[in-house]
Amino acid sequence: MQVQSYLFFDGRCEEAIEFYKKALGAKVDMLMRFKESPEPPQPGMCPPGSDDKVMHAAFRIGDTTVMASDGRYQGKPSFQGFSLSLNAKDEAEAERLFAVLGKGGQVQMPLAKTFFSPRFGMVADRFGVSWMIIVMP
């Protein structure tokens, strides 16, 4: 069994994927727009005029697949109650990841030395997704 994250970007999915491609080297495995669906969307799944929005996407960050969509968007993205965790190979990479993800976002816990890691911090990116950056000792 495998558990995967599925993120709803509320109309900003394509922008988010492009950001993660540049910031984290994400690779897109699949992207389907609502207009490309073989069946019409279910009522309430997307507002009128959303043909070019992302119905479903899958992208990889390192060895992990993240799925994403614009489905049901109403202009109020909300990512609460979870964080995505990135294991940096060293302190320099942790600093870089924290800076690039935090640009336009919000620091939740500054990147610093902790009792469990030489570098750990939490930051919400400009889409509101919370990230924990850690260097494993």
N, C-alpha and C. Protein backbone atom coordinates (compact mmCIF):
# COMPACT_ATOMS: atom_id res chain seq x y z
N MET A 1 0.84 -1.18 0.00
CA MET A 1 0.00 0.00 0.00
C MET A 1 0.89 1.24 0.00
N GLN A 2 0.40 2.27 -0.68
CA GLN A 2 1.14 3.53 -0.76
C GLN A 2 0.17 4.68 -0.51
N VAL A 3 0.62 5.67 0.24
CA VAL A 3 -0.17 6.88 0.48
C VAL A 3 0.49 8.01 -0.30
N GLN A 4 -0.33 8.76 -1.06
CA GLN A 4 0.20 9.88 -1.82
C GLN A 4 -0.60 11.14 -1.50
N SER A 5 0.06 12.25 -1.60
CA SER A 5 -0.59 13.54 -1.37
C SER A 5 -1.35 13.96 -2.62
N TYR A 6 -2.52 14.55 -2.41
CA TYR A 6 -3.30 15.12 -3.52
C TYR A 6 -3.66 16.55 -3.10
N LEU A 7 -3.12 17.51 -3.82
CA LEU A 7 -3.28 18.91 -3.46
C LEU A 7 -4.24 19.61 -4.42
N PHE A 8 -5.17 20.38 -3.87
CA PHE A 8 -6.11 21.15 -4.67
C PHE A 8 -5.70 22.62 -4.61
N PHE A 9 -5.25 23.15 -5.75
CA PHE A 9 -4.70 24.49 -5.80
C PHE A 9 -5.72 25.57 -6.15
N ASP A 10 -6.96 25.19 -6.22
CA ASP A 10 -8.05 26.17 -6.31
C ASP A 10 -7.86 27.19 -7.43
N GLY A 11 -7.51 26.69 -8.63
CA GLY A 11 -7.36 27.57 -9.78
C GLY A 11 -5.93 27.95 -10.10
N ARG A 12 -4.97 27.55 -9.26
CA ARG A 12 -3.56 27.94 -9.47
C ARG A 12 -2.66 26.72 -9.67
N CYS A 13 -3.24 25.60 -10.07
CA CYS A 13 -2.47 24.36 -10.17
C CYS A 13 -1.31 24.45 -11.17
N GLU A 14 -1.60 24.95 -12.35
CA GLU A 14 -0.54 25.03 -13.35
C GLU A 14 0.59 25.96 -12.89
N GLU A 15 0.24 27.07 -12.28
CA GLU A 15 1.23 27.99 -11.73
C GLU A 15 2.07 27.30 -10.65
N ALA A 16 1.41 26.53 -9.79
CA ALA A 16 2.12 25.81 -8.72
C ALA A 16 3.08 24.78 -9.30
N ILE A 17 2.64 24.03 -10.29
CA ILE A 17 3.51 23.02 -10.90
C ILE A 17 4.73 23.68 -11.51
N GLU A 18 4.54 24.78 -12.22
CA GLU A 18 5.69 25.49 -12.81
C GLU A 18 6.65 25.96 -11.72
N PHE A 19 6.10 26.45 -10.61
CA PHE A 19 6.93 26.88 -9.49
C PHE A 19 7.74 25.71 -8.94
N TYR A 20 7.11 24.55 -8.73
CA TYR A 20 7.81 23.39 -8.19
C TYR A 20 8.82 22.82 -9.18
N LYS A 21 8.57 22.97 -10.47
CA LYS A 21 9.56 22.54 -11.46
C LYS A 21 10.84 23.36 -11.30
N LYS A 22 10.69 24.68 -11.15
CA LYS A 22 11.86 25.54 -11.01
C LYS A 22 12.50 25.42 -9.63
N ALA A 23 11.68 25.41 -8.59
CA ALA A 23 12.21 25.44 -7.22
C ALA A 23 12.76 24.10 -6.77
N LEU A 24 12.10 23.01 -7.17
CA LEU A 24 12.45 21.69 -6.63
C LEU A 24 12.85 20.68 -7.69
N GLY A 25 12.86 21.09 -8.94
CA GLY A 25 13.19 20.16 -10.02
C GLY A 25 12.09 19.14 -10.28
N ALA A 26 10.84 19.50 -9.98
CA ALA A 26 9.72 18.57 -10.19
C ALA A 26 9.62 18.19 -11.65
N LYS A 27 9.19 16.97 -11.89
CA LYS A 27 8.99 16.44 -13.24
C LYS A 27 7.52 16.05 -13.38
N VAL A 28 6.87 16.55 -14.41
CA VAL A 28 5.46 16.26 -14.64
C VAL A 28 5.32 14.93 -15.36
N ASP A 29 4.57 14.02 -14.75
CA ASP A 29 4.30 12.72 -15.36
C ASP A 29 3.01 12.76 -16.18
N MET A 30 2.06 13.57 -15.73
CA MET A 30 0.76 13.61 -16.40
C MET A 30 0.04 14.90 -16.05
N LEU A 31 -0.64 15.48 -17.02
CA LEU A 31 -1.46 16.66 -16.78
C LEU A 31 -2.63 16.63 -17.75
N MET A 32 -3.85 16.66 -17.22
CA MET A 32 -5.06 16.67 -18.03
C MET A 32 -5.91 17.86 -17.64
N ARG A 33 -6.35 18.60 -18.64
CA ARG A 33 -7.24 19.74 -18.41
C ARG A 33 -8.69 19.26 -18.47
N PHE A 34 -9.59 20.05 -17.89
CA PHE A 34 -11.00 19.68 -17.90
C PHE A 34 -11.51 19.47 -19.32
N LYS A 35 -11.06 20.29 -20.27
CA LYS A 35 -11.52 20.16 -21.65
C LYS A 35 -11.04 18.88 -22.32
N GLU A 36 -10.04 18.22 -21.74
CA GLU A 36 -9.51 16.98 -22.32
C GLU A 36 -10.16 15.72 -21.75
N SER A 37 -11.05 15.89 -20.82
CA SER A 37 -11.70 14.75 -20.19
C SER A 37 -12.59 14.01 -21.19
N PRO A 38 -12.54 12.68 -21.18
CA PRO A 38 -13.41 11.92 -22.09
C PRO A 38 -14.89 11.99 -21.68
N GLU A 39 -15.16 12.43 -20.46
CA GLU A 39 -16.52 12.59 -19.98
C GLU A 39 -16.68 14.00 -19.42
N PRO A 40 -17.88 14.56 -19.48
CA PRO A 40 -18.07 15.89 -18.89
C PRO A 40 -17.90 15.84 -17.38
N PRO A 41 -17.40 16.94 -16.79
CA PRO A 41 -17.21 16.95 -15.34
C PRO A 41 -18.54 16.81 -14.59
N GLN A 42 -18.47 16.23 -13.42
CA GLN A 42 -19.64 16.09 -12.56
C GLN A 42 -20.11 17.48 -12.14
N PRO A 43 -21.42 17.65 -11.93
CA PRO A 43 -21.92 18.96 -11.48
C PRO A 43 -21.22 19.43 -10.20
N GLY A 44 -20.83 20.70 -10.20
CA GLY A 44 -20.18 21.28 -9.03
C GLY A 44 -18.68 21.05 -8.97
N MET A 45 -18.13 20.26 -9.90
CA MET A 45 -16.70 19.97 -9.86
C MET A 45 -15.86 21.16 -10.29
N CYS A 46 -16.37 21.96 -11.22
CA CYS A 46 -15.63 23.14 -11.65
C CYS A 46 -16.61 24.19 -12.16
N PRO A 47 -16.28 25.46 -11.96
CA PRO A 47 -17.17 26.52 -12.41
C PRO A 47 -17.14 26.67 -13.94
N PRO A 48 -18.15 27.29 -14.52
CA PRO A 48 -18.13 27.54 -15.96
C PRO A 48 -16.88 28.32 -16.37
N GLY A 49 -16.37 28.02 -17.56
CA GLY A 49 -15.19 28.71 -18.06
C GLY A 49 -13.88 28.15 -17.57
N SER A 50 -13.90 26.96 -17.01
CA SER A 50 -12.66 26.38 -16.45
C SER A 50 -12.08 25.29 -17.34
N ASP A 51 -12.41 25.31 -18.62
CA ASP A 51 -11.92 24.28 -19.55
C ASP A 51 -10.40 24.12 -19.53
N ASP A 52 -9.67 25.22 -19.38
CA ASP A 52 -8.21 25.15 -19.42
C ASP A 52 -7.57 24.88 -18.06
N LYS A 53 -8.38 24.80 -17.02
CA LYS A 53 -7.85 24.49 -15.68
C LYS A 53 -7.47 23.02 -15.60
N VAL A 54 -6.62 22.68 -14.63
CA VAL A 54 -6.09 21.32 -14.48
C VAL A 54 -7.10 20.43 -13.75
N MET A 55 -7.55 19.41 -14.45
CA MET A 55 -8.45 18.43 -13.84
C MET A 55 -7.66 17.46 -12.96
N HIS A 56 -6.51 17.00 -13.49
CA HIS A 56 -5.66 16.08 -12.72
C HIS A 56 -4.23 16.19 -13.23
N ALA A 57 -3.30 16.19 -12.30
CA ALA A 57 -1.88 16.18 -12.65
C ALA A 57 -1.15 15.29 -11.67
N ALA A 58 -0.06 14.72 -12.13
CA ALA A 58 0.85 13.95 -11.28
C ALA A 58 2.26 14.44 -11.60
N PHE A 59 3.00 14.80 -10.55
CA PHE A 59 4.38 15.22 -10.75
C PHE A 59 5.24 14.61 -9.65
N ARG A 60 6.53 14.45 -9.99
CA ARG A 60 7.47 13.85 -9.05
C ARG A 60 8.42 14.91 -8.50
N ILE A 61 8.64 14.84 -7.20
CA ILE A 61 9.69 15.60 -6.53
C ILE A 61 10.60 14.54 -5.94
N GLY A 62 11.78 14.39 -6.54
CA GLY A 62 12.65 13.28 -6.14
C GLY A 62 11.96 11.96 -6.46
N ASP A 63 11.83 11.09 -5.46
CA ASP A 63 11.20 9.78 -5.65
C ASP A 63 9.71 9.78 -5.31
N THR A 64 9.16 10.93 -4.96
CA THR A 64 7.78 11.00 -4.50
C THR A 64 6.86 11.60 -5.56
N THR A 65 5.73 10.95 -5.76
CA THR A 65 4.71 11.48 -6.67
C THR A 65 3.71 12.28 -5.86
N VAL A 66 3.42 13.48 -6.35
CA VAL A 66 2.40 14.34 -5.77
C VAL A 66 1.33 14.52 -6.85
N MET A 67 0.09 14.40 -6.46
CA MET A 67 -1.01 14.62 -7.40
C MET A 67 -1.65 15.96 -7.07
N ALA A 68 -2.24 16.58 -8.11
CA ALA A 68 -2.79 17.92 -7.91
C ALA A 68 -3.91 18.20 -8.89
N SER A 69 -4.71 19.22 -8.56
CA SER A 69 -5.86 19.58 -9.38
C SER A 69 -6.31 21.00 -9.07
N ASP A 70 -7.13 21.53 -9.98
CA ASP A 70 -7.85 22.77 -9.73
C ASP A 70 -9.29 22.47 -9.35
N GLY A 71 -9.69 21.23 -9.32
CA GLY A 71 -11.07 20.81 -9.11
C GLY A 71 -11.77 21.54 -7.98
N ARG A 72 -13.02 21.85 -8.22
CA ARG A 72 -13.89 22.49 -7.24
C ARG A 72 -13.40 23.88 -6.84
N TYR A 73 -12.58 24.52 -7.64
CA TYR A 73 -11.98 25.77 -7.19
C TYR A 73 -13.01 26.88 -7.06
N GLN A 74 -12.79 27.69 -6.04
CA GLN A 74 -13.66 28.81 -5.75
C GLN A 74 -12.86 30.06 -5.39
N GLY A 75 -11.53 30.01 -5.61
CA GLY A 75 -10.70 31.17 -5.33
C GLY A 75 -10.28 31.29 -3.88
N LYS A 76 -10.44 30.21 -3.11
CA LYS A 76 -10.09 30.24 -1.69
C LYS A 76 -9.26 29.00 -1.32
N PRO A 77 -8.01 28.91 -1.81
CA PRO A 77 -7.21 27.73 -1.47
C PRO A 77 -6.96 27.65 0.03
N SER A 78 -6.94 26.43 0.55
CA SER A 78 -6.71 26.25 1.98
C SER A 78 -5.94 24.96 2.20
N PHE A 79 -4.74 25.08 2.68
CA PHE A 79 -3.91 23.92 3.00
C PHE A 79 -3.66 23.96 4.50
N GLN A 80 -4.45 23.23 5.25
CA GLN A 80 -4.32 23.25 6.71
C GLN A 80 -4.25 21.84 7.26
N GLY A 81 -3.56 21.69 8.36
CA GLY A 81 -3.52 20.41 9.06
C GLY A 81 -2.51 19.42 8.55
N PHE A 82 -1.60 19.85 7.67
CA PHE A 82 -0.55 18.95 7.19
C PHE A 82 0.63 19.77 6.67
N SER A 83 1.75 19.11 6.52
CA SER A 83 2.94 19.68 5.88
C SER A 83 3.57 18.62 5.01
N LEU A 84 4.24 19.05 3.96
CA LEU A 84 5.06 18.16 3.17
C LEU A 84 6.48 18.30 3.70
N SER A 85 7.17 17.19 3.84
CA SER A 85 8.52 17.22 4.42
C SER A 85 9.56 16.91 3.35
N LEU A 86 10.59 17.74 3.29
CA LEU A 86 11.70 17.55 2.36
C LEU A 86 12.97 17.26 3.15
N ASN A 87 13.61 16.16 2.82
CA ASN A 87 14.89 15.81 3.44
C ASN A 87 16.01 16.38 2.57
N ALA A 88 16.70 17.37 3.09
CA ALA A 88 17.83 17.97 2.37
C ALA A 88 19.09 17.14 2.65
N LYS A 89 19.96 17.05 1.68
CA LYS A 89 21.18 16.24 1.84
C LYS A 89 22.19 16.89 2.77
N ASP A 90 22.17 18.24 2.86
CA ASP A 90 23.10 18.93 3.74
C ASP A 90 22.53 20.31 4.09
N GLU A 91 23.25 21.04 4.92
CA GLU A 91 22.77 22.34 5.39
C GLU A 91 22.64 23.35 4.25
N ALA A 92 23.55 23.31 3.29
CA ALA A 92 23.48 24.25 2.16
C ALA A 92 22.22 24.00 1.33
N GLU A 93 21.90 22.75 1.09
CA GLU A 93 20.69 22.44 0.33
C GLU A 93 19.45 22.85 1.14
N ALA A 94 19.47 22.64 2.43
CA ALA A 94 18.34 23.05 3.28
C ALA A 94 18.13 24.56 3.19
N GLU A 95 19.20 25.32 3.24
CA GLU A 95 19.11 26.78 3.13
C GLU A 95 18.50 27.18 1.78
N ARG A 96 18.97 26.54 0.71
CA ARG A 96 18.47 26.86 -0.63
C ARG A 96 16.98 26.52 -0.75
N LEU A 97 16.60 25.32 -0.32
CA LEU A 97 15.19 24.90 -0.41
C LEU A 97 14.28 25.81 0.41
N PHE A 98 14.72 26.14 1.60
CA PHE A 98 13.93 27.00 2.48
C PHE A 98 13.72 28.37 1.84
N ALA A 99 14.78 28.91 1.26
CA ALA A 99 14.71 30.24 0.63
C ALA A 99 13.80 30.23 -0.59
N VAL A 100 13.96 29.24 -1.45
CA VAL A 100 13.19 29.21 -2.68
C VAL A 100 11.70 28.93 -2.41
N LEU A 101 11.40 28.05 -1.48
CA LEU A 101 10.01 27.78 -1.15
C LEU A 101 9.37 28.94 -0.40
N GLY A 102 10.16 29.65 0.38
CA GLY A 102 9.63 30.75 1.18
C GLY A 102 9.45 32.05 0.43
N LYS A 103 10.02 32.15 -0.78
CA LYS A 103 9.89 33.39 -1.54
C LYS A 103 8.42 33.63 -1.88
N GLY A 104 7.89 34.72 -1.35
CA GLY A 104 6.48 35.04 -1.54
C GLY A 104 5.56 34.29 -0.58
N GLY A 105 6.16 33.50 0.31
CA GLY A 105 5.38 32.73 1.27
C GLY A 105 5.53 33.28 2.67
N GLN A 106 5.48 32.38 3.65
CA GLN A 106 5.54 32.83 5.05
C GLN A 106 6.34 31.82 5.89
N VAL A 107 7.33 32.33 6.60
CA VAL A 107 8.11 31.49 7.49
C VAL A 107 7.24 31.12 8.69
N GLN A 108 7.14 29.84 8.96
CA GLN A 108 6.37 29.36 10.11
C GLN A 108 7.29 29.05 11.29
N MET A 109 8.50 28.59 10.97
CA MET A 109 9.54 28.34 11.97
C MET A 109 10.88 28.53 11.25
N PRO A 110 11.68 29.49 11.67
CA PRO A 110 12.94 29.76 10.97
C PRO A 110 13.82 28.51 10.90
N LEU A 111 14.56 28.40 9.82
CA LEU A 111 15.51 27.31 9.64
C LEU A 111 16.64 27.49 10.63
N ALA A 112 16.86 26.48 11.47
CA ALA A 112 17.88 26.59 12.52
C ALA A 112 18.31 25.20 12.98
N LYS A 113 19.36 25.18 13.78
CA LYS A 113 19.82 23.94 14.41
C LYS A 113 18.82 23.57 15.51
N THR A 114 18.50 22.28 15.58
CA THR A 114 17.62 21.78 16.64
C THR A 114 18.29 20.60 17.30
N PHE A 115 17.68 20.08 18.35
CA PHE A 115 18.25 18.91 19.02
C PHE A 115 18.19 17.66 18.13
N PHE A 116 17.32 17.67 17.11
CA PHE A 116 17.17 16.49 16.26
C PHE A 116 17.73 16.66 14.85
N SER A 117 18.23 17.86 14.53
CA SER A 117 18.74 18.09 13.18
C SER A 117 19.69 19.28 13.16
N PRO A 118 20.73 19.23 12.30
CA PRO A 118 21.58 20.39 12.14
C PRO A 118 20.85 21.57 11.49
N ARG A 119 19.75 21.28 10.74
CA ARG A 119 18.91 22.32 10.15
C ARG A 119 17.49 21.79 10.01
N PHE A 120 16.56 22.55 10.57
CA PHE A 120 15.14 22.24 10.45
C PHE A 120 14.36 23.55 10.45
N GLY A 121 13.36 23.64 9.58
CA GLY A 121 12.50 24.82 9.56
C GLY A 121 11.21 24.51 8.84
N MET A 122 10.24 25.39 9.03
CA MET A 122 8.93 25.23 8.40
C MET A 122 8.57 26.52 7.68
N VAL A 123 8.07 26.37 6.46
CA VAL A 123 7.72 27.52 5.65
C VAL A 123 6.50 27.18 4.80
N ALA A 124 5.59 28.13 4.64
CA ALA A 124 4.47 27.98 3.72
C ALA A 124 4.84 28.69 2.43
N ASP A 125 4.71 27.99 1.31
CA ASP A 125 5.04 28.63 0.04
C ASP A 125 3.95 29.62 -0.38
N ARG A 126 4.13 30.25 -1.50
CA ARG A 126 3.20 31.29 -1.93
C ARG A 126 1.81 30.78 -2.27
N PHE A 127 1.64 29.47 -2.31
CA PHE A 127 0.32 28.87 -2.55
C PHE A 127 -0.35 28.47 -1.23
N GLY A 128 0.41 28.56 -0.13
CA GLY A 128 -0.12 28.19 1.18
C GLY A 128 0.22 26.79 1.61
N VAL A 129 0.96 26.04 0.80
CA VAL A 129 1.38 24.68 1.16
C VAL A 129 2.50 24.77 2.18
N SER A 130 2.35 24.07 3.28
CA SER A 130 3.35 24.07 4.35
C SER A 130 4.42 23.01 4.08
N TRP A 131 5.67 23.41 4.21
CA TRP A 131 6.82 22.52 3.99
C TRP A 131 7.68 22.47 5.24
N MET A 132 8.15 21.31 5.58
CA MET A 132 9.17 21.13 6.63
C MET A 132 10.45 20.73 5.94
N ILE A 133 11.50 21.50 6.14
CA ILE A 133 12.81 21.21 5.55
C ILE A 133 13.69 20.68 6.68
N ILE A 134 14.30 19.52 6.43
CA ILE A 134 15.13 18.90 7.48
C ILE A 134 16.38 18.28 6.87
N VAL A 135 17.46 18.39 7.61
CA VAL A 135 18.69 17.66 7.30
C VAL A 135 18.76 16.54 8.34
N MET A 136 18.76 15.32 7.87
CA MET A 136 18.84 14.20 8.80
C MET A 136 20.27 14.07 9.31
N PRO A 137 20.42 13.89 10.63
CA PRO A 137 21.78 13.82 11.18
C PRO A 137 22.50 12.53 10.77
